[in-house]
Full PDB file with SEQRES, HELIX, SHEET, SSBOND, CRYST1, ORIGX, SCALE, CONECT and MASTER records, all heavy atoms in Angstrom:
SEQRES   1 A   33  VAL ARG TRP GLU ASP GLU PRO GLY MET PRO ARG GLN LYS          
SEQRES   2 A   33  LEU TYR LEU ASN VAL ASP ASP PRO ASP ASP SER ILE GLU          
SEQRES   3 A   33  PHE THR MET SER VAL ASP THR                                  
SHEET    1 AA1 2 LEU A  14  ASP A  19  0                                        
SHEET    2 AA1 2 GLU A  26  VAL A  31 -1                                        
CRYST1    1.000    1.000    1.000  90.00  90.00  90.00 P 1           1          
ORIGX1      1.000000  0.000000  0.000000        0.00000                         
ORIGX2      0.000000  1.000000  0.000000        0.00000                         
ORIGX3      0.000000  0.000000  1.000000        0.00000                         
SCALE1      1.000000  0.000000  0.000000        0.00000                         
SCALE2      0.000000  1.000000  0.000000        0.00000                         
SCALE3      0.000000  0.000000  1.000000        0.00000                         
ATOM      1  N   VAL A   1     -84.726  79.570-107.640  1.00  0.00           N  
ATOM      2  CA  VAL A   1     -84.650  80.525-106.555  1.00  0.00           C  
ATOM      3  C   VAL A   1     -85.165  81.937-107.022  1.00  0.00           C  
ATOM      4  O   VAL A   1     -84.929  82.299-108.198  1.00  0.00           O  
ATOM      5  CB  VAL A   1     -83.181  80.643-106.107  1.00  0.00           C  
ATOM      6  CG1 VAL A   1     -82.187  81.177-107.116  1.00  0.00           C  
ATOM      7  CG2 VAL A   1     -83.112  81.556-104.830  1.00  0.00           C  
ATOM      8  N   ARG A   2     -85.920  82.588-106.222  1.00  0.00           N  
ATOM      9  CA  ARG A   2     -86.470  83.872-106.534  1.00  0.00           C  
ATOM     10  C   ARG A   2     -86.397  84.767-105.332  1.00  0.00           C  
ATOM     11  O   ARG A   2     -86.579  84.291-104.127  1.00  0.00           O  
ATOM     12  CB  ARG A   2     -87.957  83.828-106.931  1.00  0.00           C  
ATOM     13  CG  ARG A   2     -88.251  83.010-108.126  1.00  0.00           C  
ATOM     14  CD  ARG A   2     -89.623  83.291-108.798  1.00  0.00           C  
ATOM     15  NE  ARG A   2     -90.667  83.294-107.948  1.00  0.00           N  
ATOM     16  CZ  ARG A   2     -91.423  82.357-107.481  1.00  0.00           C  
ATOM     17  NH1 ARG A   2     -91.115  81.172-107.897  1.00  0.00           N  
ATOM     18  NH2 ARG A   2     -92.438  82.505-106.620  1.00  0.00           N  
ATOM     19  N   TRP A   3     -86.188  86.074-105.539  1.00  0.00           N  
ATOM     20  CA  TRP A   3     -86.116  86.934-104.505  1.00  0.00           C  
ATOM     21  C   TRP A   3     -87.356  87.873-104.662  1.00  0.00           C  
ATOM     22  O   TRP A   3     -87.776  88.402-105.684  1.00  0.00           O  
ATOM     23  CB  TRP A   3     -84.949  87.915-104.548  1.00  0.00           C  
ATOM     24  CG  TRP A   3     -83.623  87.111-104.260  1.00  0.00           C  
ATOM     25  CD1 TRP A   3     -82.873  86.652-105.234  1.00  0.00           C  
ATOM     26  CD2 TRP A   3     -83.010  86.977-103.102  1.00  0.00           C  
ATOM     27  NE1 TRP A   3     -81.832  86.003-104.736  1.00  0.00           N  
ATOM     28  CE2 TRP A   3     -81.861  86.165-103.325  1.00  0.00           C  
ATOM     29  CE3 TRP A   3     -83.302  87.222-101.728  1.00  0.00           C  
ATOM     30  CZ2 TRP A   3     -81.004  85.693-102.376  1.00  0.00           C  
ATOM     31  CZ3 TRP A   3     -82.458  86.752-100.735  1.00  0.00           C  
ATOM     32  CH2 TRP A   3     -81.292  85.996-101.082  1.00  0.00           C  
ATOM     33  N   GLU A   4     -88.131  88.070-103.543  1.00  0.00           N  
ATOM     34  CA  GLU A   4     -89.362  88.615-103.625  1.00  0.00           C  
ATOM     35  C   GLU A   4     -89.800  89.183-102.257  1.00  0.00           C  
ATOM     36  O   GLU A   4     -88.982  89.012-101.306  1.00  0.00           O  
ATOM     37  CB  GLU A   4     -90.527  87.795-104.255  1.00  0.00           C  
ATOM     38  CG  GLU A   4     -90.676  86.456-103.560  1.00  0.00           C  
ATOM     39  CD  GLU A   4     -91.696  85.588-104.303  1.00  0.00           C  
ATOM     40  OE1 GLU A   4     -91.310  85.087-105.341  1.00  0.00           O  
ATOM     41  OE2 GLU A   4     -92.740  85.391-103.789  1.00  0.00           O  
ATOM     42  N   ASP A   5     -91.022  89.593-102.120  1.00  0.00           N  
ATOM     43  CA  ASP A   5     -91.435  90.086-100.833  1.00  0.00           C  
ATOM     44  C   ASP A   5     -92.940  89.608-100.597  1.00  0.00           C  
ATOM     45  O   ASP A   5     -93.731  89.484-101.629  1.00  0.00           O  
ATOM     46  CB  ASP A   5     -91.505  91.604-100.610  1.00  0.00           C  
ATOM     47  CG  ASP A   5     -91.730  91.998 -99.186  1.00  0.00           C  
ATOM     48  OD1 ASP A   5     -91.347  91.302 -98.253  1.00  0.00           O  
ATOM     49  OD2 ASP A   5     -92.457  93.050 -99.019  1.00  0.00           O  
ATOM     50  N   GLU A   6     -93.218  89.185 -99.383  1.00  0.00           N  
ATOM     51  CA  GLU A   6     -94.621  88.722 -99.119  1.00  0.00           C  
ATOM     52  C   GLU A   6     -95.127  89.619 -97.951  1.00  0.00           C  
ATOM     53  O   GLU A   6     -94.564  89.526 -96.887  1.00  0.00           O  
ATOM     54  CB  GLU A   6     -94.570  87.273 -98.766  1.00  0.00           C  
ATOM     55  CG  GLU A   6     -95.874  86.620 -98.508  1.00  0.00           C  
ATOM     56  CD  GLU A   6     -95.795  85.093 -98.323  1.00  0.00           C  
ATOM     57  OE1 GLU A   6     -95.200  84.449 -99.189  1.00  0.00           O  
ATOM     58  OE2 GLU A   6     -96.237  84.651 -97.284  1.00  0.00           O  
ATOM     59  N   PRO A   7     -96.035  90.458 -98.119  1.00  0.00           N  
ATOM     60  CA  PRO A   7     -96.442  91.384 -97.090  1.00  0.00           C  
ATOM     61  C   PRO A   7     -96.822  90.778 -95.678  1.00  0.00           C  
ATOM     62  O   PRO A   7     -96.454  91.402 -94.696  1.00  0.00           O  
ATOM     63  CB  PRO A   7     -97.622  92.133 -97.662  1.00  0.00           C  
ATOM     64  CG  PRO A   7     -97.528  92.018 -99.138  1.00  0.00           C  
ATOM     65  CD  PRO A   7     -96.833  90.633 -99.352  1.00  0.00           C  
ATOM     66  N   GLY A   8     -97.404  89.643 -95.797  1.00  0.00           N  
ATOM     67  CA  GLY A   8     -97.734  89.034 -94.463  1.00  0.00           C  
ATOM     68  C   GLY A   8     -96.670  88.126 -93.864  1.00  0.00           C  
ATOM     69  O   GLY A   8     -96.882  87.595 -92.882  1.00  0.00           O  
ATOM     70  N   MET A   9     -95.515  88.180 -94.379  1.00  0.00           N  
ATOM     71  CA  MET A   9     -94.367  87.325 -93.872  1.00  0.00           C  
ATOM     72  C   MET A   9     -93.985  87.923 -92.555  1.00  0.00           C  
ATOM     73  O   MET A   9     -93.737  89.061 -92.436  1.00  0.00           O  
ATOM     74  CB  MET A   9     -93.183  87.281 -94.893  1.00  0.00           C  
ATOM     75  CG  MET A   9     -92.262  86.180 -94.577  1.00  0.00           C  
ATOM     76  SD  MET A   9     -92.808  84.564 -95.042  1.00  0.00           S  
ATOM     77  CE  MET A   9     -91.315  83.622 -94.655  1.00  0.00           C  
ATOM     78  N   PRO A  10     -93.910  87.144 -91.481  1.00  0.00           N  
ATOM     79  CA  PRO A  10     -93.451  87.526 -90.236  1.00  0.00           C  
ATOM     80  C   PRO A  10     -92.081  88.085 -90.246  1.00  0.00           C  
ATOM     81  O   PRO A  10     -91.231  87.676 -90.993  1.00  0.00           O  
ATOM     82  CB  PRO A  10     -93.644  86.279 -89.241  1.00  0.00           C  
ATOM     83  CG  PRO A  10     -94.514  85.461 -89.892  1.00  0.00           C  
ATOM     84  CD  PRO A  10     -94.392  85.700 -91.359  1.00  0.00           C  
ATOM     85  N   ARG A  11     -91.832  89.218 -89.441  1.00  0.00           N  
ATOM     86  CA  ARG A  11     -90.590  89.870 -89.502  1.00  0.00           C  
ATOM     87  C   ARG A  11     -89.711  89.408 -88.284  1.00  0.00           C  
ATOM     88  O   ARG A  11     -89.953  89.987 -87.078  1.00  0.00           O  
ATOM     89  CB  ARG A  11     -90.717  91.356 -89.528  1.00  0.00           C  
ATOM     90  CG  ARG A  11     -91.571  91.899 -90.696  1.00  0.00           C  
ATOM     91  CD  ARG A  11     -91.074  91.441 -92.018  1.00  0.00           C  
ATOM     92  NE  ARG A  11     -91.673  92.147 -93.201  1.00  0.00           N  
ATOM     93  CZ  ARG A  11     -91.559  91.757 -94.413  1.00  0.00           C  
ATOM     94  NH1 ARG A  11     -90.931  90.559 -94.682  1.00  0.00           N  
ATOM     95  NH2 ARG A  11     -92.041  92.385 -95.398  1.00  0.00           N  
ATOM     96  N   GLN A  12     -88.842  88.500 -88.492  1.00  0.00           N  
ATOM     97  CA  GLN A  12     -87.969  87.978 -87.493  1.00  0.00           C  
ATOM     98  C   GLN A  12     -86.571  87.927 -88.025  1.00  0.00           C  
ATOM     99  O   GLN A  12     -86.327  88.164 -89.264  1.00  0.00           O  
ATOM    100  CB  GLN A  12     -88.387  86.545 -87.015  1.00  0.00           C  
ATOM    101  CG  GLN A  12     -89.792  86.449 -86.462  1.00  0.00           C  
ATOM    102  CD  GLN A  12     -89.890  87.074 -85.051  1.00  0.00           C  
ATOM    103  OE1 GLN A  12     -88.898  87.367 -84.444  1.00  0.00           O  
ATOM    104  NE2 GLN A  12     -91.089  87.308 -84.528  1.00  0.00           N  
ATOM    105  N   LYS A  13     -85.649  87.662 -87.264  1.00  0.00           N  
ATOM    106  CA  LYS A  13     -84.287  87.518 -87.821  1.00  0.00           C  
ATOM    107  C   LYS A  13     -84.209  86.310 -88.859  1.00  0.00           C  
ATOM    108  O   LYS A  13     -83.498  86.521 -89.837  1.00  0.00           O  
ATOM    109  CB  LYS A  13     -83.241  87.271 -86.686  1.00  0.00           C  
ATOM    110  CG  LYS A  13     -83.154  88.562 -85.763  1.00  0.00           C  
ATOM    111  CD  LYS A  13     -82.262  88.232 -84.484  1.00  0.00           C  
ATOM    112  CE  LYS A  13     -82.267  89.480 -83.609  1.00  0.00           C  
ATOM    113  NZ  LYS A  13     -81.796  89.215 -82.336  1.00  0.00           N  
ATOM    114  N   LEU A  14     -84.905  85.341 -88.570  1.00  0.00           N  
ATOM    115  CA  LEU A  14     -85.004  84.281 -89.598  1.00  0.00           C  
ATOM    116  C   LEU A  14     -86.394  83.578 -89.383  1.00  0.00           C  
ATOM    117  O   LEU A  14     -86.707  83.170 -88.257  1.00  0.00           O  
ATOM    118  CB  LEU A  14     -83.950  83.161 -89.531  1.00  0.00           C  
ATOM    119  CG  LEU A  14     -83.939  82.125 -90.590  1.00  0.00           C  
ATOM    120  CD1 LEU A  14     -82.519  81.575 -90.732  1.00  0.00           C  
ATOM    121  CD2 LEU A  14     -84.859  80.890 -90.242  1.00  0.00           C  
ATOM    122  N   TYR A  15     -87.143  83.537 -90.439  1.00  0.00           N  
ATOM    123  CA  TYR A  15     -88.591  82.940 -90.364  1.00  0.00           C  
ATOM    124  C   TYR A  15     -88.632  82.102 -91.634  1.00  0.00           C  
ATOM    125  O   TYR A  15     -88.609  82.525 -92.843  1.00  0.00           O  
ATOM    126  CB  TYR A  15     -89.597  83.957 -90.337  1.00  0.00           C  
ATOM    127  CG  TYR A  15     -90.935  83.303 -89.873  1.00  0.00           C  
ATOM    128  CD1 TYR A  15     -91.455  83.488 -88.639  1.00  0.00           C  
ATOM    129  CD2 TYR A  15     -91.744  82.527 -90.819  1.00  0.00           C  
ATOM    130  CE1 TYR A  15     -92.600  82.939 -88.224  1.00  0.00           C  
ATOM    131  CE2 TYR A  15     -92.904  81.957 -90.392  1.00  0.00           C  
ATOM    132  CZ  TYR A  15     -93.358  82.162 -89.088  1.00  0.00           C  
ATOM    133  OH  TYR A  15     -94.620  81.589 -88.718  1.00  0.00           O  
ATOM    134  N   LEU A  16     -88.811  80.720 -91.538  1.00  0.00           N  
ATOM    135  CA  LEU A  16     -88.812  79.755 -92.648  1.00  0.00           C  
ATOM    136  C   LEU A  16     -90.233  79.107 -92.719  1.00  0.00           C  
ATOM    137  O   LEU A  16     -90.541  78.404 -91.855  1.00  0.00           O  
ATOM    138  CB  LEU A  16     -87.701  78.717 -92.515  1.00  0.00           C  
ATOM    139  CG  LEU A  16     -87.652  77.699 -93.597  1.00  0.00           C  
ATOM    140  CD1 LEU A  16     -87.238  78.302 -94.943  1.00  0.00           C  
ATOM    141  CD2 LEU A  16     -86.684  76.643 -93.230  1.00  0.00           C  
ATOM    142  N   ASN A  17     -90.811  79.313 -93.888  1.00  0.00           N  
ATOM    143  CA  ASN A  17     -92.010  78.440 -94.221  1.00  0.00           C  
ATOM    144  C   ASN A  17     -91.619  77.218 -95.083  1.00  0.00           C  
ATOM    145  O   ASN A  17     -90.829  77.447 -96.046  1.00  0.00           O  
ATOM    146  CB  ASN A  17     -93.021  79.348 -94.893  1.00  0.00           C  
ATOM    147  CG  ASN A  17     -93.823  80.287 -93.936  1.00  0.00           C  
ATOM    148  OD1 ASN A  17     -94.042  79.920 -92.774  1.00  0.00           O  
ATOM    149  ND2 ASN A  17     -94.175  81.419 -94.441  1.00  0.00           N  
ATOM    150  N   VAL A  18     -92.271  76.111 -94.922  1.00  0.00           N  
ATOM    151  CA  VAL A  18     -92.013  75.086 -95.750  1.00  0.00           C  
ATOM    152  C   VAL A  18     -93.302  74.476 -96.412  1.00  0.00           C  
ATOM    153  O   VAL A  18     -94.356  74.361 -95.732  1.00  0.00           O  
ATOM    154  CB  VAL A  18     -91.426  73.842 -94.914  1.00  0.00           C  
ATOM    155  CG1 VAL A  18     -91.204  72.624 -95.862  1.00  0.00           C  
ATOM    156  CG2 VAL A  18     -90.206  74.205 -94.185  1.00  0.00           C  
ATOM    157  N   ASP A  19     -93.268  74.326 -97.687  1.00  0.00           N  
ATOM    158  CA  ASP A  19     -94.449  73.882 -98.501  1.00  0.00           C  
ATOM    159  C   ASP A  19     -93.917  72.809 -99.498  1.00  0.00           C  
ATOM    160  O   ASP A  19     -92.740  72.482 -99.629  1.00  0.00           O  
ATOM    161  CB  ASP A  19     -95.038  75.063 -99.362  1.00  0.00           C  
ATOM    162  CG  ASP A  19     -95.577  76.169 -98.400  1.00  0.00           C  
ATOM    163  OD1 ASP A  19     -96.592  75.970 -97.803  1.00  0.00           O  
ATOM    164  OD2 ASP A  19     -94.919  77.270 -98.337  1.00  0.00           O  
ATOM    165  N   ASP A  20     -94.910  72.096-100.083  1.00  0.00           N  
ATOM    166  CA  ASP A  20     -94.540  70.988-100.963  1.00  0.00           C  
ATOM    167  C   ASP A  20     -95.264  71.018-102.368  1.00  0.00           C  
ATOM    168  O   ASP A  20     -96.072  70.143-102.634  1.00  0.00           O  
ATOM    169  CB  ASP A  20     -94.766  69.680-100.171  1.00  0.00           C  
ATOM    170  CG  ASP A  20     -96.236  69.510 -99.795  1.00  0.00           C  
ATOM    171  OD1 ASP A  20     -97.000  70.409 -99.911  1.00  0.00           O  
ATOM    172  OD2 ASP A  20     -96.424  68.472 -99.198  1.00  0.00           O  
ATOM    173  N   PRO A  21     -95.025  72.029-103.177  1.00  0.00           N  
ATOM    174  CA  PRO A  21     -95.625  72.059-104.453  1.00  0.00           C  
ATOM    175  C   PRO A  21     -95.005  71.160-105.474  1.00  0.00           C  
ATOM    176  O   PRO A  21     -93.784  71.078-105.479  1.00  0.00           O  
ATOM    177  CB  PRO A  21     -95.581  73.488-104.848  1.00  0.00           C  
ATOM    178  CG  PRO A  21     -94.301  73.910-104.235  1.00  0.00           C  
ATOM    179  CD  PRO A  21     -94.196  73.127-102.929  1.00  0.00           C  
ATOM    180  N   ASP A  22     -95.744  70.489-106.359  1.00  0.00           N  
ATOM    181  CA  ASP A  22     -95.168  69.860-107.576  1.00  0.00           C  
ATOM    182  C   ASP A  22     -93.944  68.977-107.270  1.00  0.00           C  
ATOM    183  O   ASP A  22     -92.888  69.110-107.868  1.00  0.00           O  
ATOM    184  CB  ASP A  22     -94.908  70.945-108.499  1.00  0.00           C  
ATOM    185  CG  ASP A  22     -96.023  71.886-108.930  1.00  0.00           C  
ATOM    186  OD1 ASP A  22     -97.174  71.349-108.896  1.00  0.00           O  
ATOM    187  OD2 ASP A  22     -95.803  72.960-109.150  1.00  0.00           O  
ATOM    188  N   ASP A  23     -94.185  68.029-106.344  1.00  0.00           N  
ATOM    189  CA  ASP A  23     -93.094  67.034-106.116  1.00  0.00           C  
ATOM    190  C   ASP A  23     -91.756  67.700-105.716  1.00  0.00           C  
ATOM    191  O   ASP A  23     -90.616  67.303-106.023  1.00  0.00           O  
ATOM    192  CB  ASP A  23     -92.816  66.126-107.261  1.00  0.00           C  
ATOM    193  CG  ASP A  23     -94.072  65.309-107.574  1.00  0.00           C  
ATOM    194  OD1 ASP A  23     -94.725  64.808-106.654  1.00  0.00           O  
ATOM    195  OD2 ASP A  23     -94.322  65.199-108.718  1.00  0.00           O  
ATOM    196  N   SER A  24     -91.801  68.880-105.039  1.00  0.00           N  
ATOM    197  CA  SER A  24     -90.671  69.590-104.534  1.00  0.00           C  
ATOM    198  C   SER A  24     -90.893  69.910-103.102  1.00  0.00           C  
ATOM    199  O   SER A  24     -91.972  69.773-102.541  1.00  0.00           O  
ATOM    200  CB  SER A  24     -90.431  70.882-105.379  1.00  0.00           C  
ATOM    201  OG  SER A  24     -90.125  70.612-106.684  1.00  0.00           O  
ATOM    202  N   ILE A  25     -89.802  70.471-102.486  1.00  0.00           N  
ATOM    203  CA  ILE A  25     -89.915  71.148-101.233  1.00  0.00           C  
ATOM    204  C   ILE A  25     -89.639  72.654-101.466  1.00  0.00           C  
ATOM    205  O   ILE A  25     -88.647  72.890-102.134  1.00  0.00           O  
ATOM    206  CB  ILE A  25     -88.988  70.660-100.102  1.00  0.00           C  
ATOM    207  CG1 ILE A  25     -89.349  69.127 -99.748  1.00  0.00           C  
ATOM    208  CG2 ILE A  25     -88.995  71.490 -98.901  1.00  0.00           C  
ATOM    209  CD1 ILE A  25     -90.615  68.947 -99.015  1.00  0.00           C  
ATOM    210  N   GLU A  26     -90.519  73.475-101.004  1.00  0.00           N  
ATOM    211  CA  GLU A  26     -90.290  74.895-101.271  1.00  0.00           C  
ATOM    212  C   GLU A  26     -90.087  75.629 -99.915  1.00  0.00           C  
ATOM    213  O   GLU A  26     -90.795  75.410 -98.970  1.00  0.00           O  
ATOM    214  CB  GLU A  26     -91.465  75.589-101.979  1.00  0.00           C  
ATOM    215  CG  GLU A  26     -91.196  77.067-102.289  1.00  0.00           C  
ATOM    216  CD  GLU A  26     -92.310  77.632-103.205  1.00  0.00           C  
ATOM    217  OE1 GLU A  26     -93.338  78.015-102.607  1.00  0.00           O  
ATOM    218  OE2 GLU A  26     -92.074  77.693-104.327  1.00  0.00           O  
ATOM    219  N   PHE A  27     -88.878  76.349 -99.859  1.00  0.00           N  
ATOM    220  CA  PHE A  27     -88.603  77.086 -98.707  1.00  0.00           C  
ATOM    221  C   PHE A  27     -88.816  78.598 -98.958  1.00  0.00           C  
ATOM    222  O   PHE A  27     -88.351  79.066 -99.910  1.00  0.00           O  
ATOM    223  CB  PHE A  27     -87.168  76.914 -98.291  1.00  0.00           C  
ATOM    224  CG  PHE A  27     -86.730  75.478 -97.992  1.00  0.00           C  
ATOM    225  CD1 PHE A  27     -85.960  74.746 -98.926  1.00  0.00           C  
ATOM    226  CD2 PHE A  27     -87.183  74.770 -96.875  1.00  0.00           C  
ATOM    227  CE1 PHE A  27     -85.621  73.495 -98.796  1.00  0.00           C  
ATOM    228  CE2 PHE A  27     -86.811  73.469 -96.706  1.00  0.00           C  
ATOM    229  CZ  PHE A  27     -86.015  72.831 -97.524  1.00  0.00           C  
ATOM    230  N   THR A  28     -89.652  79.184 -98.117  1.00  0.00           N  
ATOM    231  CA  THR A  28     -89.873  80.686 -98.157  1.00  0.00           C  
ATOM    232  C   THR A  28     -89.269  81.234 -96.982  1.00  0.00           C  
ATOM    233  O   THR A  28     -89.815  81.006 -95.897  1.00  0.00           O  
ATOM    234  CB  THR A  28     -91.314  81.055 -98.324  1.00  0.00           C  
ATOM    235  OG1 THR A  28     -91.894  80.241 -99.463  1.00  0.00           O  
ATOM    236  CG2 THR A  28     -91.540  82.487 -98.622  1.00  0.00           C  
ATOM    237  N   MET A  29     -88.241  81.984 -97.033  1.00  0.00           N  
ATOM    238  CA  MET A  29     -87.511  82.467 -95.813  1.00  0.00           C  
ATOM    239  C   MET A  29     -87.239  83.931 -95.839  1.00  0.00           C  
ATOM    240  O   MET A  29     -86.813  84.517 -96.917  1.00  0.00           O  
ATOM    241  CB  MET A  29     -86.122  81.693 -95.737  1.00  0.00           C  
ATOM    242  CG  MET A  29     -85.425  81.974 -94.438  1.00  0.00           C  
ATOM    243  SD  MET A  29     -83.966  80.861 -94.239  1.00  0.00           S  
ATOM    244  CE  MET A  29     -82.759  81.786 -95.182  1.00  0.00           C  
ATOM    245  N   SER A  30     -87.555  84.561 -94.760  1.00  0.00           N  
ATOM    246  CA  SER A  30     -87.458  85.967 -94.488  1.00  0.00           C  
ATOM    247  C   SER A  30     -86.341  86.157 -93.508  1.00  0.00           C  
ATOM    248  O   SER A  30     -86.292  85.382 -92.538  1.00  0.00           O  
ATOM    249  CB  SER A  30     -88.727  86.649 -94.076  1.00  0.00           C  
ATOM    250  OG  SER A  30     -88.505  87.978 -93.713  1.00  0.00           O  
ATOM    251  N   VAL A  31     -85.427  87.084 -93.808  1.00  0.00           N  
ATOM    252  CA  VAL A  31     -84.341  87.261 -92.893  1.00  0.00           C  
ATOM    253  C   VAL A  31     -84.140  88.739 -92.601  1.00  0.00           C  
ATOM    254  O   VAL A  31     -84.515  89.634 -93.389  1.00  0.00           O  
ATOM    255  CB  VAL A  31     -82.951  86.684 -93.303  1.00  0.00           C  
ATOM    256  CG1 VAL A  31     -83.086  85.151 -93.472  1.00  0.00           C  
ATOM    257  CG2 VAL A  31     -82.550  87.481 -94.656  1.00  0.00           C  
ATOM    258  N   ASP A  32     -83.582  89.046 -91.387  1.00  0.00           N  
ATOM    259  CA  ASP A  32     -83.173  90.479 -91.049  1.00  0.00           C  
ATOM    260  C   ASP A  32     -81.820  90.683 -91.675  1.00  0.00           C  
ATOM    261  O   ASP A  32     -80.857  89.926 -91.358  1.00  0.00           O  
ATOM    262  CB  ASP A  32     -83.036  90.480 -89.510  1.00  0.00           C  
ATOM    263  CG  ASP A  32     -82.753  91.937 -89.009  1.00  0.00           C  
ATOM    264  OD1 ASP A  32     -82.134  92.689 -89.719  1.00  0.00           O  
ATOM    265  OD2 ASP A  32     -83.134  92.176 -87.792  1.00  0.00           O  
ATOM    266  N   THR A  33     -81.715  91.793 -92.451  1.00  0.00           N  
ATOM    267  CA  THR A  33     -80.456  91.996 -93.176  1.00  0.00           C  
ATOM    268  C   THR A  33     -79.431  92.446 -92.338  1.00  0.00           C  
ATOM    269  O   THR A  33     -78.154  92.564 -92.810  1.00  0.00           O  
ATOM    270  CB  THR A  33     -80.690  92.967 -94.357  1.00  0.00           C  
ATOM    271  OG1 THR A  33     -81.163  94.208 -93.785  1.00  0.00           O  
ATOM    272  CG2 THR A  33     -81.731  92.405 -95.295  1.00  0.00           C  
TER     273      THR A  33                                                      
MASTER        0    0    0    0    2    0    0    6  272    1    0    3          
END                                                                             
């Protein structure tokens, strides 16, 4: 798990991207604090 920022990430209350690198599922999620 890593906390970071992605400038192009949409700003919604919850926005989840799903990717599949290296035999894993990766969730990149932005939330409204």
